[in-house]
Amino acid sequence: MAATNYPFKKYNYKVNVAGADSASFSEVSGFDATVDVIEYREGDDAINSPRKYPGLTKYGNVTLKWGMTSSTTFYDWVMGISDGSLKDADREKDVTIELYDDANSTVLASWKLEKAWPSKYTAPDFNASSSEIAFESIELVCYSISKVVSGGAG
């Protein structure tokens, strides 16, 4: 399929959390990667500025936000880590986020979070005079984030 010059739209996406029965999210945010800068200078260098080298790569936490239902899948994941009942393979899950075209038929791009696990759970806030949906969220940490761009129409 030929590449397009139109930017992709961000509202059609699917999240797959390995081992989760169902996962529908209204918002996914926080994708980033930062490469630390290592500065080095020897005392007899002719110029007074350091050389710069790439250091460790750090990945930001990814937040998944959803309208609260009776499901406790993600809350149980957090609590299993907190109380120590989940170990290694059960604690860490691969998470894939796929961005789709307008027809929800073609994957335009995807991101994979390797060995993700929740480091934070946020319960909904409550307001008796509000007409809003109750939202929960979890913040995921991961070993790495990889991206694949498939192309398609924007």
Protein backbone atom coordinates (compact mmCIF):
# COMPACT_ATOMS: atom_id res chain seq x y z
CA MET A 1 0.00 0.00 0.00
CA ALA A 2 1.35 3.41 -0.95
CA ALA A 3 2.34 5.85 1.76
CA THR A 4 0.16 8.90 2.27
CA ASN A 5 1.03 12.45 3.22
CA TYR A 6 -2.00 12.79 5.48
CA PRO A 7 -1.37 12.44 9.22
CA PHE A 8 -3.04 9.53 10.95
CA LYS A 9 -6.06 10.19 13.15
CA LYS A 10 -5.75 9.10 16.77
CA TYR A 11 -9.25 8.02 17.81
CA ASN A 12 -9.48 4.42 16.46
CA TYR A 13 -7.22 2.14 18.45
CA LYS A 14 -7.21 -1.17 20.26
CA VAL A 15 -5.22 -2.24 23.30
CA ASN A 16 -4.29 -5.88 23.84
CA VAL A 17 -2.99 -6.82 27.28
CA ALA A 18 -1.68 -10.40 27.22
CA GLY A 19 -3.78 -12.58 29.50
CA ALA A 20 -6.61 -10.05 29.99
CA ASP A 21 -10.08 -11.25 29.04
CA SER A 22 -11.21 -7.85 27.84
CA ALA A 23 -9.60 -4.45 27.65
CA SER A 24 -11.32 -1.34 26.33
CA PHE A 25 -9.74 2.00 27.10
CA SER A 26 -10.91 5.55 26.44
CA GLU A 27 -7.41 7.01 26.64
CA VAL A 28 -3.83 5.84 26.28
CA SER A 29 -1.03 8.31 27.01
CA GLY A 30 2.58 8.69 28.03
CA PHE A 31 4.55 7.01 25.27
CA ASP A 32 8.05 8.39 25.28
CA ALA A 33 11.68 7.35 25.17
CA THR A 34 14.60 9.42 26.41
CA VAL A 35 18.28 8.74 25.81
CA ASP A 36 20.50 10.02 28.61
CA VAL A 37 23.46 12.17 27.58
CA ILE A 38 26.86 11.31 29.00
CA GLU A 39 29.26 14.24 28.99
CA TYR A 40 33.00 13.58 29.06
CA ARG A 41 36.00 15.84 28.87
CA GLU A 42 39.67 15.16 29.45
CA GLY A 43 41.73 17.77 31.27
CA ASP A 44 44.04 18.42 28.32
CA ASP A 45 41.30 18.82 25.68
CA ALA A 46 41.91 21.88 23.50
CA ILE A 47 38.34 23.13 23.81
CA ASN A 48 36.42 23.83 27.00
CA SER A 49 33.29 21.83 26.20
CA PRO A 50 32.63 18.17 26.81
CA ARG A 51 32.05 15.48 24.24
CA LYS A 52 28.56 13.98 24.36
CA TYR A 53 27.78 10.28 24.15
CA PRO A 54 24.49 8.38 24.25
CA GLY A 55 23.76 6.72 27.58
CA LEU A 56 20.88 4.65 28.92
CA THR A 57 17.48 4.74 27.22
CA LYS A 58 14.56 5.33 29.57
CA TYR A 59 10.92 4.70 28.69
CA GLY A 60 8.10 6.77 30.14
CA ASN A 61 5.16 5.26 31.97
CA VAL A 62 2.11 4.57 29.81
CA THR A 63 -1.29 5.38 31.30
CA LEU A 64 -4.41 3.40 30.39
CA LYS A 65 -7.73 5.04 31.32
CA TRP A 66 -11.17 3.41 31.15
CA GLY A 67 -14.76 3.90 32.21
CA MET A 68 -15.30 1.93 35.40
CA THR A 69 -17.31 -1.31 35.14
CA SER A 70 -17.76 -4.33 37.41
CA SER A 71 -14.54 -5.87 36.04
CA THR A 72 -11.65 -5.99 38.52
CA THR A 73 -9.06 -7.43 36.09
CA PHE A 74 -6.67 -4.48 36.22
CA TYR A 75 -7.22 -3.68 39.88
CA ASP A 76 -6.46 -7.35 40.69
CA TRP A 77 -3.26 -7.10 38.62
CA VAL A 78 -2.08 -4.15 40.72
CA MET A 79 -3.06 -5.78 44.00
CA GLY A 80 -1.36 -9.06 43.01
CA ILE A 81 1.90 -7.15 42.57
CA SER A 82 1.36 -5.20 45.78
CA ASP A 83 0.72 -8.25 47.96
CA GLY A 84 3.36 -10.41 46.26
CA SER A 85 0.95 -13.08 45.02
CA LEU A 86 1.92 -12.48 41.36
CA LYS A 87 5.41 -13.53 40.32
CA ASP A 88 7.47 -12.92 37.16
CA ALA A 89 5.47 -14.28 34.19
CA ASP A 90 2.11 -13.48 35.81
CA ARG A 91 3.25 -9.99 36.84
CA GLU A 92 4.74 -8.85 33.52
CA LYS A 93 2.58 -8.75 30.39
CA ASP A 94 3.23 -7.66 26.83
CA VAL A 95 0.88 -4.86 25.80
CA THR A 96 0.15 -3.93 22.19
CA ILE A 97 -1.55 -0.72 21.09
CA GLU A 98 -2.75 -0.68 17.48
CA LEU A 99 -3.86 2.46 15.62
CA TYR A 100 -6.51 1.79 12.96
CA ASP A 101 -7.85 3.59 9.90
CA ASP A 102 -11.33 5.21 9.88
CA ALA A 103 -13.00 1.90 8.96
CA ASN A 104 -11.28 0.07 11.85
CA SER A 105 -10.03 -2.48 9.30
CA THR A 106 -6.36 -1.65 8.69
CA VAL A 107 -3.62 -1.29 11.31
CA LEU A 108 -1.71 1.89 10.50
CA ALA A 109 0.84 1.66 13.31
CA SER A 110 1.40 -0.36 16.45
CA TRP A 111 3.42 -0.08 19.64
CA LYS A 112 4.52 -2.96 21.84
CA LEU A 113 5.32 -2.51 25.52
CA GLU A 114 7.58 -5.38 26.56
CA LYS A 115 7.14 -6.86 30.04
CA ALA A 116 4.79 -4.16 31.27
CA TRP A 117 3.39 -4.08 34.79
CA PRO A 118 1.30 -1.51 36.65
CA SER A 119 3.09 0.79 39.07
CA LYS A 120 0.07 2.93 39.89
CA TYR A 121 -3.70 2.51 40.10
CA THR A 122 -6.05 5.49 40.26
CA ALA A 123 -9.67 5.10 41.39
CA PRO A 124 -12.35 7.48 40.10
CA ASP A 125 -12.98 10.77 41.80
CA PHE A 126 -16.54 11.36 42.93
CA ASN A 127 -18.78 14.42 42.71
CA ALA A 128 -22.49 14.28 43.62
CA SER A 129 -23.35 17.23 41.37
CA SER A 130 -21.59 15.89 38.28
CA SER A 131 -23.02 14.02 35.28
CA GLU A 132 -19.83 12.25 34.23
CA ILE A 133 -18.50 8.74 33.76
CA ALA A 134 -16.40 7.28 36.58
CA PHE A 135 -12.89 6.58 35.25
CA GLU A 136 -10.15 4.29 36.56
CA SER A 137 -6.58 4.22 35.32
CA ILE A 138 -3.34 2.31 35.66
CA GLU A 139 0.17 3.48 34.92
CA LEU A 140 2.39 0.87 33.27
CA VAL A 141 6.17 0.63 33.40
CA CYS A 142 7.94 -1.50 30.80
CA TYR A 143 11.36 -2.70 29.65
CA SER A 144 11.05 -1.23 26.17
CA ILE A 145 8.64 0.26 23.63
CA SER A 146 8.87 -0.66 19.96
CA LYS A 147 6.92 0.93 17.10
CA VAL A 148 5.89 -0.43 13.69
CA VAL A 149 4.33 1.83 11.05
CA SER A 150 2.26 -0.07 8.51
CA GLY A 151 1.04 2.80 6.37
CA GLY A 152 -2.43 3.10 4.92
CA ALA A 153 -4.87 5.92 4.35
CA GLY A 154 -5.09 8.73 6.90
